[in-house]
Amino acid sequence: MPRTTLDLDPSVLRELRRRGAREHKSMGTVASELIAGALSESGRVSSPAPLRWTSRDLGKPRVDIEDKEALQALLESGS
């Protein structure tokens, strides 16, 4: 198996050691298994769900938005 050097965050190193001890595996084996799993997962990119645009008739507008005074009056009335 090829060897390499990785700079790991101390918390990651502790977790690898802890898992290795728990699973009775070397830290390198645990790291290889986790990295292989993550790499295989990243290869399975799922496409986002298609956007479904829903539109419906909301009825007659209550105010003409081009009429600033009417729009302001409606906003101030709170209705």
Foldseek 3Di string as FASTA:
>chain_A
DDDDDDDDDVVVQVVLVVVCVVVVHDSVVSVVVVVVVVVVVVVPDDDDDDDDDDDDDPDDDPDDVVPVVRVVVCVVVVD
